[in-house]
């Protein structure tokens, strides 16, 4: 057993000590094995993305086929990049590919597909965006769907935005508030007042105050009155400006409820 080990140790030393003495063919074989080992490694997603972008700068028929073929790449980032580049090269083909990509297993691809399809939503897409905006597990997809639905009318769409105001992700809540700020009347005063009172993100509370200030709704005075005591100075300032905007809009403060009548002390207590 000892002699066996000594044999292999000596062989190891011999081979590496005489590597430079190998014949040219043998040395080439060693180099080729090394090249084959490295060449067998698939290039990184970053390298494939860089290659796609380079092809998209001056696309011919072959380059377009390569970019489109990357829609089936194993990397989600590569697939999303391929969709984006296809939109620049051939919007019609990109839209067709984006519809299929709404079923992609990765959120970054679905979100990219929604953004590509958002400018021209038809009825089936509106239904799909409504579903994605309310139930997709990836917040980027929900946000993209809300942005796509912002100009769309209909009670199902309004319900999605109301639900989004209570989303666990602040970016989704912000997407809903941004849509409500750009489109007065999309969000109810009661729902926005809840955001102003309870949202943990001060920027979302500022947006909520601004929406209430532009609502011309007398019911917005009460939540804004409370918000002027908010812990964050920017929220307090936004609430103050919003109350002033309400006054300028002509909204009248709701009349306070009538005071309860004082107890009648002239009546004799029972049993007296």
C-alpha atoms as a PDB file:
ATOM      1  CA  UNK A   1       0.000   0.000   0.000  1.00  0.00           C
ATOM      2  CA  UNK A   2       2.868   2.356   0.857  1.00  0.00           C
ATOM      3  CA  UNK A   3       4.621   1.526  -2.397  1.00  0.00           C
ATOM      4  CA  UNK A   4       1.350   2.282  -4.261  1.00  0.00           C
ATOM      5  CA  UNK A   5       1.125   5.772  -2.739  1.00  0.00           C
ATOM      6  CA  UNK A   6       4.798   6.487  -3.431  1.00  0.00           C
ATOM      7  CA  UNK A   7       4.273   5.520  -7.082  1.00  0.00           C
ATOM      8  CA  UNK A   8       1.471   8.018  -7.591  1.00  0.00           C
ATOM      9  CA  UNK A   9       3.297  10.786  -5.731  1.00  0.00           C
ATOM     10  CA  UNK A  10       6.325  10.267  -7.945  1.00  0.00           C
ATOM     11  CA  UNK A  11       4.171  10.239 -11.078  1.00  0.00           C
ATOM     12  CA  UNK A  12       2.480  13.497  -9.999  1.00  0.00           C
ATOM     13  CA  UNK A  13       5.867  15.146  -9.482  1.00  0.00           C
ATOM     14  CA  UNK A  14       7.162  13.817 -12.780  1.00  0.00           C
ATOM     15  CA  UNK A  15       4.239  15.086 -14.810  1.00  0.00           C
ATOM     16  CA  UNK A  16       4.277  18.611 -13.406  1.00  0.00           C
ATOM     17  CA  UNK A  17       8.071  18.845 -13.386  1.00  0.00           C
ATOM     18  CA  UNK A  18       8.182  17.912 -17.058  1.00  0.00           C
ATOM     19  CA  UNK A  19       5.111  19.798 -18.307  1.00  0.00           C
ATOM     20  CA  UNK A  20       7.313  22.221 -20.239  1.00  0.00           C
ATOM     21  CA  UNK A  21       9.044  19.287 -21.839  1.00  0.00           C
ATOM     22  CA  UNK A  22       5.939  17.853 -23.397  1.00  0.00           C
ATOM     23  CA  UNK A  23       5.853  17.659 -27.148  1.00  0.00           C
ATOM     24  CA  UNK A  24       4.007  20.510 -28.929  1.00  0.00           C
ATOM     25  CA  UNK A  25       1.057  18.265 -29.773  1.00  0.00           C
ATOM     26  CA  UNK A  26       0.707  17.191 -26.170  1.00  0.00           C
ATOM     27  CA  UNK A  27       0.995  20.777 -24.907  1.00  0.00           C
ATOM     28  CA  UNK A  28      -1.664  21.865 -27.410  1.00  0.00           C
ATOM     29  CA  UNK A  29      -3.913  19.119 -26.154  1.00  0.00           C
ATOM     30  CA  UNK A  30      -3.615  20.440 -22.611  1.00  0.00           C
ATOM     31  CA  UNK A  31      -4.446  23.967 -23.782  1.00  0.00           C
ATOM     32  CA  UNK A  32      -7.401  22.748 -25.814  1.00  0.00           C
ATOM     33  CA  UNK A  33      -8.784  20.885 -22.828  1.00  0.00           C
ATOM     34  CA  UNK A  34      -8.618  24.106 -20.805  1.00  0.00           C
ATOM     35  CA  UNK A  35     -10.307  26.109 -23.545  1.00  0.00           C
ATOM     36  CA  UNK A  36     -13.004  23.494 -23.902  1.00  0.00           C
ATOM     37  CA  UNK A  37     -13.630  23.594 -20.166  1.00  0.00           C
ATOM     38  CA  UNK A  38     -14.120  27.362 -20.179  1.00  0.00           C
ATOM     39  CA  UNK A  39     -15.938  27.390 -23.494  1.00  0.00           C
ATOM     40  CA  UNK A  40     -18.470  24.958 -22.151  1.00  0.00           C
ATOM     41  CA  UNK A  41     -19.590  27.515 -19.555  1.00  0.00           C
ATOM     42  CA  UNK A  42     -22.611  29.480 -20.744  1.00  0.00           C
ATOM     43  CA  UNK A  43     -22.099  33.232 -20.852  1.00  0.00           C
ATOM     44  CA  UNK A  44     -23.709  35.221 -18.068  1.00  0.00           C
ATOM     45  CA  UNK A  45     -27.139  36.889 -18.369  1.00  0.00           C
ATOM     46  CA  UNK A  46     -25.379  40.253 -18.220  1.00  0.00           C
ATOM     47  CA  UNK A  47     -23.265  39.321 -21.231  1.00  0.00           C
ATOM     48  CA  UNK A  48     -26.301  38.103 -23.151  1.00  0.00           C
ATOM     49  CA  UNK A  49     -28.154  41.326 -22.333  1.00  0.00           C
ATOM     50  CA  UNK A  50     -25.206  43.416 -23.541  1.00  0.00           C
ATOM     51  CA  UNK A  51     -25.151  41.405 -26.764  1.00  0.00           C
ATOM     52  CA  UNK A  52     -28.882  41.917 -27.319  1.00  0.00           C
ATOM     53  CA  UNK A  53     -28.564  45.660 -26.779  1.00  0.00           C
ATOM     54  CA  UNK A  54     -25.703  45.838 -29.236  1.00  0.00           C
ATOM     55  CA  UNK A  55     -27.771  44.015 -31.878  1.00  0.00           C
ATOM     56  CA  UNK A  56     -30.778  46.263 -31.268  1.00  0.00           C
ATOM     57  CA  UNK A  57     -28.758  49.389 -32.064  1.00  0.00           C
ATOM     58  CA  UNK A  58     -28.537  48.417 -35.726  1.00  0.00           C
ATOM     59  CA  UNK A  59     -31.045  45.606 -36.232  1.00  0.00           C
ATOM     60  CA  UNK A  60     -31.261  43.585 -39.389  1.00  0.00           C
ATOM     61  CA  UNK A  61     -33.327  40.474 -40.026  1.00  0.00           C
ATOM     62  CA  UNK A  62     -30.858  38.196 -38.268  1.00  0.00           C
ATOM     63  CA  UNK A  63     -30.520  40.531 -35.284  1.00  0.00           C
ATOM     64  CA  UNK A  64     -34.283  40.831 -34.889  1.00  0.00           C
ATOM     65  CA  UNK A  65     -34.591  37.048 -34.884  1.00  0.00           C
ATOM     66  CA  UNK A  66     -31.917  36.819 -32.199  1.00  0.00           C
ATOM     67  CA  UNK A  67     -33.606  39.442 -30.025  1.00  0.00           C
ATOM     68  CA  UNK A  68     -36.988  37.788 -30.449  1.00  0.00           C
ATOM     69  CA  UNK A  69     -35.481  34.381 -29.753  1.00  0.00           C
ATOM     70  CA  UNK A  70     -34.277  35.654 -26.381  1.00  0.00           C
ATOM     71  CA  UNK A  71     -37.907  35.768 -25.249  1.00  0.00           C
ATOM     72  CA  UNK A  72     -37.420  32.108 -24.350  1.00  0.00           C
ATOM     73  CA  UNK A  73     -34.097  32.628 -22.554  1.00  0.00           C
ATOM     74  CA  UNK A  74     -33.690  30.926 -19.199  1.00  0.00           C
ATOM     75  CA  UNK A  75     -32.988  34.241 -17.461  1.00  0.00           C
ATOM     76  CA  UNK A  76     -35.926  36.457 -16.517  1.00  0.00           C
ATOM     77  CA  UNK A  77     -33.776  39.578 -16.910  1.00  0.00           C
ATOM     78  CA  UNK A  78     -32.849  38.550 -20.439  1.00  0.00           C
ATOM     79  CA  UNK A  79     -36.496  37.903 -21.327  1.00  0.00           C
ATOM     80  CA  UNK A  80     -37.560  41.278 -19.924  1.00  0.00           C
ATOM     81  CA  UNK A  81     -34.779  43.030 -21.833  1.00  0.00           C
ATOM     82  CA  UNK A  82     -35.772  41.230 -25.005  1.00  0.00           C
ATOM     83  CA  UNK A  83     -39.349  42.488 -24.637  1.00  0.00           C
ATOM     84  CA  UNK A  84     -38.146  46.054 -24.099  1.00  0.00           C
ATOM     85  CA  UNK A  85     -35.851  45.931 -27.120  1.00  0.00           C
ATOM     86  CA  UNK A  86     -38.552  44.371 -29.292  1.00  0.00           C
ATOM     87  CA  UNK A  87     -40.837  47.286 -28.404  1.00  0.00           C
ATOM     88  CA  UNK A  88     -38.205  49.662 -29.765  1.00  0.00           C
ATOM     89  CA  UNK A  89     -37.645  47.620 -32.933  1.00  0.00           C
ATOM     90  CA  UNK A  90     -41.155  46.393 -33.792  1.00  0.00           C
ATOM     91  CA  UNK A  91     -43.970  47.552 -31.459  1.00  0.00           C
ATOM     92  CA  UNK A  92     -46.597  45.278 -33.036  1.00  0.00           C
ATOM     93  CA  UNK A  93     -44.523  42.132 -32.577  1.00  0.00           C
ATOM     94  CA  UNK A  94     -43.566  43.274 -29.089  1.00  0.00           C
ATOM     95  CA  UNK A  95     -47.238  43.691 -28.142  1.00  0.00           C
ATOM     96  CA  UNK A  96     -48.034  40.173 -29.325  1.00  0.00           C
ATOM     97  CA  UNK A  97     -45.094  38.805 -27.355  1.00  0.00           C
ATOM     98  CA  UNK A  98     -46.082  40.859 -24.294  1.00  0.00           C
ATOM     99  CA  UNK A  99     -49.559  39.315 -24.223  1.00  0.00           C
ATOM    100  CA  UNK A 100     -47.943  35.890 -23.985  1.00  0.00           C
ATOM    101  CA  UNK A 101     -45.488  37.173 -21.383  1.00  0.00           C
ATOM    102  CA  UNK A 102     -48.329  38.088 -19.013  1.00  0.00           C
ATOM    103  CA  UNK A 103     -48.244  34.387 -18.093  1.00  0.00           C
ATOM    104  CA  UNK A 104     -44.480  34.337 -17.507  1.00  0.00           C
ATOM    105  CA  UNK A 105     -43.389  32.753 -14.257  1.00  0.00           C
ATOM    106  CA  UNK A 106     -41.244  35.736 -13.238  1.00  0.00           C
ATOM    107  CA  UNK A 107     -42.647  39.039 -12.030  1.00  0.00           C
ATOM    108  CA  UNK A 108     -40.064  41.220 -13.777  1.00  0.00           C
ATOM    109  CA  UNK A 109     -41.203  39.827 -17.128  1.00  0.00           C
ATOM    110  CA  UNK A 110     -44.903  40.225 -16.335  1.00  0.00           C
ATOM    111  CA  UNK A 111     -44.340  43.816 -15.170  1.00  0.00           C
ATOM    112  CA  UNK A 112     -42.458  44.617 -18.380  1.00  0.00           C
ATOM    113  CA  UNK A 113     -45.250  43.083 -20.428  1.00  0.00           C
ATOM    114  CA  UNK A 114     -47.864  45.191 -18.623  1.00  0.00           C
ATOM    115  CA  UNK A 115     -45.917  48.395 -19.263  1.00  0.00           C
ATOM    116  CA  UNK A 116     -45.641  47.572 -22.969  1.00  0.00           C
ATOM    117  CA  UNK A 117     -49.365  46.846 -23.281  1.00  0.00           C
ATOM    118  CA  UNK A 118     -50.564  49.707 -21.066  1.00  0.00           C
ATOM    119  CA  UNK A 119     -50.928  52.456 -23.716  1.00  0.00           C
ATOM    120  CA  UNK A 120     -53.651  50.638 -25.676  1.00  0.00           C
ATOM    121  CA  UNK A 121     -55.682  48.393 -23.363  1.00  0.00           C
ATOM    122  CA  UNK A 122     -58.581  46.520 -24.917  1.00  0.00           C
ATOM    123  CA  UNK A 123     -61.359  44.823 -22.939  1.00  0.00           C
ATOM    124  CA  UNK A 124     -59.516  41.505 -22.411  1.00  0.00           C
ATOM    125  CA  UNK A 125     -56.418  43.372 -21.266  1.00  0.00           C
ATOM    126  CA  UNK A 126     -58.431  45.518 -18.850  1.00  0.00           C
ATOM    127  CA  UNK A 127     -59.824  42.359 -17.295  1.00  0.00           C
ATOM    128  CA  UNK A 128     -56.327  40.913 -17.046  1.00  0.00           C
ATOM    129  CA  UNK A 129     -54.829  44.095 -15.602  1.00  0.00           C
ATOM    130  CA  UNK A 130     -57.628  44.177 -13.040  1.00  0.00           C
ATOM    131  CA  UNK A 131     -56.688  40.680 -11.937  1.00  0.00           C
ATOM    132  CA  UNK A 132     -52.971  41.427 -11.852  1.00  0.00           C
ATOM    133  CA  UNK A 133     -53.488  44.686  -9.963  1.00  0.00           C
ATOM    134  CA  UNK A 134     -55.421  42.977  -7.201  1.00  0.00           C
ATOM    135  CA  UNK A 135     -53.812  39.561  -6.845  1.00  0.00           C
ATOM    136  CA  UNK A 136     -50.394  39.242  -8.484  1.00  0.00           C
ATOM    137  CA  UNK A 137     -47.860  38.142  -5.845  1.00  0.00           C
ATOM    138  CA  UNK A 138     -45.168  40.549  -7.108  1.00  0.00           C
ATOM    139  CA  UNK A 139     -45.611  44.185  -6.106  1.00  0.00           C
ATOM    140  CA  UNK A 140     -43.960  45.514  -9.278  1.00  0.00           C
ATOM    141  CA  UNK A 141     -46.641  43.792 -11.327  1.00  0.00           C
ATOM    142  CA  UNK A 142     -49.437  45.182  -9.165  1.00  0.00           C
ATOM    143  CA  UNK A 143     -47.991  48.693  -9.476  1.00  0.00           C
ATOM    144  CA  UNK A 144     -47.614  48.406 -13.245  1.00  0.00           C
ATOM    145  CA  UNK A 145     -51.185  47.143 -13.565  1.00  0.00           C
ATOM    146  CA  UNK A 146     -52.522  50.062 -11.512  1.00  0.00           C
ATOM    147  CA  UNK A 147     -50.666  52.534 -13.737  1.00  0.00           C
ATOM    148  CA  UNK A 148     -52.163  50.840 -16.794  1.00  0.00           C
ATOM    149  CA  UNK A 149     -55.666  51.022 -15.301  1.00  0.00           C
ATOM    150  CA  UNK A 150     -55.436  54.679 -14.209  1.00  0.00           C
ATOM    151  CA  UNK A 151     -57.373  56.098 -17.199  1.00  0.00           C
ATOM    152  CA  UNK A 152     -59.914  53.252 -17.350  1.00  0.00           C
ATOM    153  CA  UNK A 153     -63.493  53.724 -16.174  1.00  0.00           C
ATOM    154  CA  UNK A 154     -65.675  51.164 -14.447  1.00  0.00           C
ATOM    155  CA  UNK A 155     -66.555  49.971 -10.962  1.00  0.00           C
ATOM    156  CA  UNK A 156     -64.281  46.893 -11.102  1.00  0.00           C
ATOM    157  CA  UNK A 157     -61.351  49.206 -11.757  1.00  0.00           C
ATOM    158  CA  UNK A 158     -62.329  51.509  -8.900  1.00  0.00           C
ATOM    159  CA  UNK A 159     -62.541  48.497  -6.598  1.00  0.00           C
ATOM    160  CA  UNK A 160     -58.977  47.517  -7.484  1.00  0.00           C
ATOM    161  CA  UNK A 161     -57.724  50.986  -6.574  1.00  0.00           C
ATOM    162  CA  UNK A 162     -59.627  50.996  -3.295  1.00  0.00           C
ATOM    163  CA  UNK A 163     -58.082  47.622  -2.455  1.00  0.00           C
ATOM    164  CA  UNK A 164     -54.629  48.895  -3.422  1.00  0.00           C
ATOM    165  CA  UNK A 165     -54.835  51.678  -0.842  1.00  0.00           C
ATOM    166  CA  UNK A 166     -54.566  48.957   1.821  1.00  0.00           C
ATOM    167  CA  UNK A 167     -51.858  46.952   0.023  1.00  0.00           C
ATOM    168  CA  UNK A 168     -49.020  45.658   2.191  1.00  0.00           C
ATOM    169  CA  UNK A 169     -46.455  47.302  -0.095  1.00  0.00           C
ATOM    170  CA  UNK A 170     -46.078  51.069   0.133  1.00  0.00           C
ATOM    171  CA  UNK A 171     -45.131  51.365  -3.554  1.00  0.00           C
ATOM    172  CA  UNK A 172     -48.430  49.798  -4.569  1.00  0.00           C
ATOM    173  CA  UNK A 173     -50.307  52.178  -2.281  1.00  0.00           C
ATOM    174  CA  UNK A 174     -48.346  55.048  -3.808  1.00  0.00           C
ATOM    175  CA  UNK A 175     -49.225  53.905  -7.321  1.00  0.00           C
ATOM    176  CA  UNK A 176     -52.913  53.993  -6.383  1.00  0.00           C
ATOM    177  CA  UNK A 177     -52.576  57.423  -4.776  1.00  0.00           C
ATOM    178  CA  UNK A 178     -50.657  58.784  -7.766  1.00  0.00           C
ATOM    179  CA  UNK A 179     -53.451  57.651 -10.046  1.00  0.00           C
ATOM    180  CA  UNK A 180     -56.007  59.247  -7.728  1.00  0.00           C
ATOM    181  CA  UNK A 181     -54.053  62.506  -7.709  1.00  0.00           C
ATOM    182  CA  UNK A 182     -53.973  62.614 -11.508  1.00  0.00           C
ATOM    183  CA  UNK A 183     -57.612  61.631 -11.825  1.00  0.00           C
ATOM    184  CA  UNK A 184     -59.910  63.363  -9.296  1.00  0.00           C
ATOM    185  CA  UNK A 185     -62.845  61.253  -8.240  1.00  0.00           C
ATOM    186  CA  UNK A 186     -61.119  57.925  -8.794  1.00  0.00           C
ATOM    187  CA  UNK A 187     -60.732  57.342  -5.042  1.00  0.00           C
ATOM    188  CA  UNK A 188     -63.410  57.952  -2.440  1.00  0.00           C
ATOM    189  CA  UNK A 189     -62.880  60.515   0.282  1.00  0.00           C
ATOM    190  CA  UNK A 190     -63.390  57.892   2.985  1.00  0.00           C
ATOM    191  CA  UNK A 191     -60.722  55.584   1.562  1.00  0.00           C
ATOM    192  CA  UNK A 192     -58.180  58.400   1.141  1.00  0.00           C
ATOM    193  CA  UNK A 193     -58.925  59.642   4.655  1.00  0.00           C
ATOM    194  CA  UNK A 194     -57.958  56.201   5.964  1.00  0.00           C
ATOM    195  CA  UNK A 195     -54.604  56.490   4.208  1.00  0.00           C
ATOM    196  CA  UNK A 196     -54.068  59.966   5.655  1.00  0.00           C
ATOM    197  CA  UNK A 197     -54.798  58.708   9.144  1.00  0.00           C
ATOM    198  CA  UNK A 198     -53.036  55.337   9.117  1.00  0.00           C
ATOM    199  CA  UNK A 199     -50.447  54.931   6.336  1.00  0.00           C
ATOM    200  CA  UNK A 200     -46.962  54.462   7.808  1.00  0.00           C
ATOM    201  CA  UNK A 201     -45.296  56.186   4.849  1.00  0.00           C
ATOM    202  CA  UNK A 202     -45.306  59.965   5.223  1.00  0.00           C
ATOM    203  CA  UNK A 203     -45.027  60.527   1.461  1.00  0.00           C
ATOM    204  CA  UNK A 204     -48.223  58.538   0.975  1.00  0.00           C
ATOM    205  CA  UNK A 205     -49.904  60.654   3.641  1.00  0.00           C
ATOM    206  CA  UNK A 206     -48.822  63.800   1.805  1.00  0.00           C
ATOM    207  CA  UNK A 207     -50.375  62.457  -1.406  1.00  0.00           C
ATOM    208  CA  UNK A 208     -53.557  61.615   0.479  1.00  0.00           C
ATOM    209  CA  UNK A 209     -53.773  65.151   1.875  1.00  0.00           C
ATOM    210  CA  UNK A 210     -53.305  66.630  -1.598  1.00  0.00           C
ATOM    211  CA  UNK A 211     -56.046  64.404  -3.020  1.00  0.00           C
ATOM    212  CA  UNK A 212     -58.449  65.493  -0.287  1.00  0.00           C
ATOM    213  CA  UNK A 213     -57.540  69.123  -0.891  1.00  0.00           C
ATOM    214  CA  UNK A 214     -58.513  68.800  -4.534  1.00  0.00           C
ATOM    215  CA  UNK A 215     -61.695  66.859  -3.904  1.00  0.00           C
ATOM    216  CA  UNK A 216     -64.014  69.827  -3.204  1.00  0.00           C
ATOM    217  CA  UNK A 217     -65.719  67.446  -0.777  1.00  0.00           C
ATOM    218  CA  UNK A 218     -66.860  68.978   2.529  1.00  0.00           C
ATOM    219  CA  UNK A 219     -66.259  65.596   4.177  1.00  0.00           C
ATOM    220  CA  UNK A 220     -62.530  66.087   3.583  1.00  0.00           C
ATOM    221  CA  UNK A 221     -62.308  68.819   6.240  1.00  0.00           C
ATOM    222  CA  UNK A 222     -62.446  66.443   9.209  1.00  0.00           C
ATOM    223  CA  UNK A 223     -59.514  64.175   8.227  1.00  0.00           C
ATOM    224  CA  UNK A 224     -57.476  67.211   7.202  1.00  0.00           C
ATOM    225  CA  UNK A 225     -58.183  68.860  10.567  1.00  0.00           C
ATOM    226  CA  UNK A 226     -56.654  65.823  12.231  1.00  0.00           C
ATOM    227  CA  UNK A 227     -53.715  65.699   9.809  1.00  0.00           C
ATOM    228  CA  UNK A 228     -52.519  69.189  10.779  1.00  0.00           C
ATOM    229  CA  UNK A 229     -51.367  67.459  13.982  1.00  0.00           C
ATOM    230  CA  UNK A 230     -49.467  64.719  12.086  1.00  0.00           C
ATOM    231  CA  UNK A 231     -46.014  63.854  13.520  1.00  0.00           C
ATOM    232  CA  UNK A 232     -44.327  64.660  10.186  1.00  0.00           C
ATOM    233  CA  UNK A 233     -43.942  68.325   9.290  1.00  0.00           C
ATOM    234  CA  UNK A 234     -44.414  67.748   5.559  1.00  0.00           C
ATOM    235  CA  UNK A 235     -47.759  66.054   6.205  1.00  0.00           C
ATOM    236  CA  UNK A 236     -48.837  68.895   8.473  1.00  0.00           C
ATOM    237  CA  UNK A 237     -47.884  71.425   5.796  1.00  0.00           C
ATOM    238  CA  UNK A 238     -49.704  69.446   3.084  1.00  0.00           C
ATOM    239  CA  UNK A 239     -52.828  69.209   5.248  1.00  0.00           C
ATOM    240  CA  UNK A 240     -52.766  72.960   5.875  1.00  0.00           C
ATOM    241  CA  UNK A 241     -52.490  73.705   2.156  1.00  0.00           C
ATOM    242  CA  UNK A 242     -55.236  71.173   1.418  1.00  0.00           C
ATOM    243  CA  UNK A 243     -57.655  72.834   3.845  1.00  0.00           C
ATOM    244  CA  UNK A 244     -56.981  76.162   2.179  1.00  0.00           C
ATOM    245  CA  UNK A 245     -57.622  74.601  -1.226  1.00  0.00           C
ATOM    246  CA  UNK A 246     -60.926  73.222   0.025  1.00  0.00           C
ATOM    247  CA  UNK A 247     -61.994  76.655   1.187  1.00  0.00           C
ATOM    248  CA  UNK A 248     -61.024  78.216  -2.150  1.00  0.00           C
ATOM    249  CA  UNK A 249     -63.029  75.554  -3.984  1.00  0.00           C
ATOM    250  CA  UNK A 250     -66.166  76.734  -2.219  1.00  0.00           C
ATOM    251  CA  UNK A 251     -66.616  73.591  -0.141  1.00  0.00           C
ATOM    252  CA  UNK A 252     -68.468  74.475   3.046  1.00  0.00           C
ATOM    253  CA  UNK A 253     -67.620  72.852   6.309  1.00  0.00           C
ATOM    254  CA  UNK A 254     -70.344  70.483   7.435  1.00  0.00           C
ATOM    255  CA  UNK A 255     -72.487  72.011  10.129  1.00  0.00           C
ATOM    256  CA  UNK A 256     -71.565  70.654  13.542  1.00  0.00           C
ATOM    257  CA  UNK A 257     -74.139  68.338  15.059  1.00  0.00           C
ATOM    258  CA  UNK A 258     -76.614  70.071  17.359  1.00  0.00           C
ATOM    259  CA  UNK A 259     -75.528  70.144  20.961  1.00  0.00           C
ATOM    260  CA  UNK A 260     -77.338  67.824  23.309  1.00  0.00           C
ATOM    261  CA  UNK A 261     -79.865  69.648  25.498  1.00  0.00           C
ATOM    262  CA  UNK A 262     -78.771  70.113  29.111  1.00  0.00           C
ATOM    263  CA  UNK A 263     -80.359  67.771  31.621  1.00  0.00           C
ATOM    264  CA  UNK A 264     -83.661  69.015  33.153  1.00  0.00           C
ATOM    265  CA  UNK A 265     -82.827  69.703  36.758  1.00  0.00           C
ATOM    266  CA  UNK A 266     -86.326  70.906  37.598  1.00  0.00           C
ATOM    267  CA  UNK A 267     -87.760  67.430  37.607  1.00  0.00           C
ATOM    268  CA  UNK A 268     -87.989  65.763  40.986  1.00  0.00           C
ATOM    269  CA  UNK A 269     -85.810  62.610  41.188  1.00  0.00           C
ATOM    270  CA  UNK A 270     -87.791  59.375  41.355  1.00  0.00           C
ATOM    271  CA  UNK A 271     -88.873  58.432  44.869  1.00  0.00           C
ATOM    272  CA  UNK A 272     -88.510  61.918  46.245  1.00  0.00           C
END
